[in-house]
Amino acid sequence: MGFWSEERAQVSIEMIIVAAAVVAVAVILVTQFQNTASQGGKKLSDVTDKAFDEIDSIK
């Protein structure tokens, strides 16, 4: 019975390590997506402001 409990413990530790790695990768990806979205939003805002300034100068 000792053999089986050690094997289960080994599998559990390996699963915890794999799960932690998956969570770490997910956090990194989410952070990168948030940064990209933030930069894209700022760029879009800048372009929109510039376009409205051009429209205002036509009047």
N, C-alpha and C. Protein backbone atom coordinates (compact mmCIF):
# COMPACT_ATOMS: atom_id res chain seq x y z
N MET A 1 0.83 -1.19 0.00
CA MET A 1 0.00 0.00 0.00
C MET A 1 0.87 1.25 0.00
N GLY A 2 2.06 1.22 0.56
CA GLY A 2 2.95 2.36 0.59
C GLY A 2 3.37 2.78 -0.81
N PHE A 3 3.57 1.82 -1.69
CA PHE A 3 3.97 2.12 -3.06
C PHE A 3 2.92 2.96 -3.78
N TRP A 4 1.66 2.58 -3.63
CA TRP A 4 0.59 3.28 -4.34
C TRP A 4 0.41 4.70 -3.83
N SER A 5 0.53 4.90 -2.53
CA SER A 5 0.35 6.24 -2.00
C SER A 5 1.50 7.15 -2.44
N GLU A 6 2.71 6.61 -2.54
CA GLU A 6 3.84 7.41 -3.03
C GLU A 6 3.63 7.77 -4.51
N GLU A 7 3.13 6.82 -5.28
CA GLU A 7 2.88 7.09 -6.70
C GLU A 7 1.80 8.16 -6.86
N ARG A 8 0.75 8.08 -6.06
CA ARG A 8 -0.30 9.09 -6.12
C ARG A 8 0.23 10.46 -5.73
N ALA A 9 1.07 10.49 -4.71
CA ALA A 9 1.66 11.76 -4.28
C ALA A 9 2.53 12.33 -5.39
N GLN A 10 3.27 11.48 -6.07
CA GLN A 10 4.12 11.94 -7.17
C GLN A 10 3.27 12.51 -8.30
N VAL A 11 2.20 11.84 -8.63
CA VAL A 11 1.31 12.34 -9.68
C VAL A 11 0.68 13.66 -9.24
N SER A 12 0.29 13.76 -8.01
CA SER A 12 -0.33 14.99 -7.51
C SER A 12 0.66 16.16 -7.59
N ILE A 13 1.89 15.93 -7.19
CA ILE A 13 2.90 16.99 -7.25
C ILE A 13 3.14 17.40 -8.69
N GLU A 14 3.22 16.43 -9.58
CA GLU A 14 3.42 16.75 -10.99
C GLU A 14 2.24 17.53 -11.55
N MET A 15 1.03 17.15 -11.16
CA MET A 15 -0.16 17.87 -11.63
C MET A 15 -0.18 19.31 -11.10
N ILE A 16 0.25 19.50 -9.85
CA ILE A 16 0.30 20.84 -9.27
C ILE A 16 1.32 21.69 -10.03
N ILE A 17 2.46 21.11 -10.35
CA ILE A 17 3.49 21.85 -11.09
C ILE A 17 2.98 22.23 -12.47
N VAL A 18 2.34 21.29 -13.16
CA VAL A 18 1.79 21.58 -14.49
C VAL A 18 0.69 22.64 -14.40
N ALA A 19 -0.18 22.53 -13.41
CA ALA A 19 -1.25 23.51 -13.25
C ALA A 19 -0.67 24.90 -12.96
N ALA A 20 0.35 24.96 -12.13
CA ALA A 20 0.99 26.24 -11.82
C ALA A 20 1.62 26.85 -13.07
N ALA A 21 2.24 26.03 -13.89
CA ALA A 21 2.84 26.52 -15.13
C ALA A 21 1.76 27.05 -16.08
N VAL A 22 0.65 26.34 -16.19
CA VAL A 22 -0.45 26.78 -17.05
C VAL A 22 -1.02 28.10 -16.56
N VAL A 23 -1.20 28.23 -15.26
CA VAL A 23 -1.72 29.48 -14.69
C VAL A 23 -0.74 30.62 -14.94
N ALA A 24 0.55 30.35 -14.78
CA ALA A 24 1.57 31.39 -15.02
C ALA A 24 1.53 31.86 -16.47
N VAL A 25 1.43 30.94 -17.40
CA VAL A 25 1.37 31.31 -18.82
C VAL A 25 0.09 32.10 -19.10
N ALA A 26 -1.02 31.69 -18.50
CA ALA A 26 -2.28 32.41 -18.70
C ALA A 26 -2.19 33.84 -18.17
N VAL A 27 -1.58 34.01 -17.01
CA VAL A 27 -1.43 35.35 -16.44
C VAL A 27 -0.56 36.22 -17.35
N ILE A 28 0.51 35.65 -17.86
CA ILE A 28 1.40 36.41 -18.76
C ILE A 28 0.64 36.82 -20.02
N LEU A 29 -0.12 35.89 -20.59
CA LEU A 29 -0.88 36.21 -21.81
C LEU A 29 -1.93 37.29 -21.55
N VAL A 30 -2.64 37.18 -20.44
CA VAL A 30 -3.67 38.18 -20.12
C VAL A 30 -3.03 39.55 -19.95
N THR A 31 -1.89 39.58 -19.26
CA THR A 31 -1.18 40.85 -19.07
C THR A 31 -0.76 41.45 -20.41
N GLN A 32 -0.24 40.61 -21.29
CA GLN A 32 0.17 41.10 -22.60
C GLN A 32 -1.03 41.61 -23.40
N PHE A 33 -2.14 40.89 -23.35
CA PHE A 33 -3.35 41.33 -24.06
C PHE A 33 -3.86 42.65 -23.51
N GLN A 34 -3.81 42.82 -22.18
CA GLN A 34 -4.25 44.07 -21.58
C GLN A 34 -3.36 45.23 -22.02
N ASN A 35 -2.05 45.01 -22.04
CA ASN A 35 -1.14 46.06 -22.48
C ASN A 35 -1.38 46.42 -23.94
N THR A 36 -1.57 45.41 -24.77
CA THR A 36 -1.83 45.65 -26.19
C THR A 36 -3.14 46.41 -26.38
N ALA A 37 -4.17 46.02 -25.65
CA ALA A 37 -5.46 46.70 -25.76
C ALA A 37 -5.35 48.14 -25.28
N SER A 38 -4.61 48.36 -24.23
CA SER A 38 -4.44 49.71 -23.71
C SER A 38 -3.70 50.59 -24.72
N GLN A 39 -2.63 50.06 -25.30
CA GLN A 39 -1.88 50.82 -26.31
C GLN A 39 -2.73 51.09 -27.54
N GLY A 40 -3.50 50.09 -27.96
CA GLY A 40 -4.38 50.25 -29.12
C GLY A 40 -5.45 51.29 -28.86
N GLY A 41 -6.01 51.27 -27.67
CA GLY A 41 -7.04 52.25 -27.31
C GLY A 41 -6.48 53.66 -27.31
N LYS A 42 -5.27 53.83 -26.79
CA LYS A 42 -4.65 55.16 -26.78
C LYS A 42 -4.37 55.63 -28.20
N LYS A 43 -3.85 54.73 -29.01
CA LYS A 43 -3.55 55.09 -30.40
C LYS A 43 -4.82 55.47 -31.15
N LEU A 44 -5.89 54.70 -30.95
CA LEU A 44 -7.16 55.01 -31.60
C LEU A 44 -7.70 56.35 -31.14
N SER A 45 -7.56 56.62 -29.85
CA SER A 45 -8.01 57.91 -29.33
C SER A 45 -7.22 59.06 -29.95
N ASP A 46 -5.91 58.87 -30.07
CA ASP A 46 -5.07 59.91 -30.68
C ASP A 46 -5.47 60.17 -32.13
N VAL A 47 -5.68 59.09 -32.88
CA VAL A 47 -6.05 59.23 -34.30
C VAL A 47 -7.42 59.89 -34.42
N THR A 48 -8.35 59.51 -33.56
CA THR A 48 -9.69 60.11 -33.58
C THR A 48 -9.63 61.59 -33.27
N ASP A 49 -8.84 61.96 -32.24
CA ASP A 49 -8.69 63.37 -31.90
C ASP A 49 -8.10 64.16 -33.08
N LYS A 50 -7.09 63.57 -33.73
CA LYS A 50 -6.47 64.23 -34.87
C LYS A 50 -7.48 64.41 -36.01
N ALA A 51 -8.31 63.38 -36.24
CA ALA A 51 -9.31 63.47 -37.30
C ALA A 51 -10.33 64.56 -36.99
N PHE A 52 -10.78 64.64 -35.75
CA PHE A 52 -11.74 65.69 -35.38
C PHE A 52 -11.11 67.08 -35.46
N ASP A 53 -9.85 67.18 -35.12
CA ASP A 53 -9.15 68.47 -35.27
C ASP A 53 -9.12 68.89 -36.73
N GLU A 54 -8.85 67.95 -37.61
CA GLU A 54 -8.85 68.23 -39.06
C GLU A 54 -10.23 68.67 -39.53
N ILE A 55 -11.26 68.02 -39.03
CA ILE A 55 -12.64 68.37 -39.42
C ILE A 55 -12.96 69.78 -38.92
N ASP A 56 -12.54 70.08 -37.68
CA ASP A 56 -12.80 71.41 -37.14
C ASP A 56 -12.07 72.49 -37.93
N SER A 57 -10.91 72.18 -38.44
CA SER A 57 -10.13 73.19 -39.18
C SER A 57 -10.75 73.47 -40.56
N ILE A 58 -11.57 72.56 -41.05
CA ILE A 58 -12.22 72.75 -42.36
C ILE A 58 -13.31 73.82 -42.25
N LYS A 59 -13.97 73.90 -41.14
CA LYS A 59 -15.11 74.83 -40.98
C LYS A 59 -14.73 76.24 -41.11
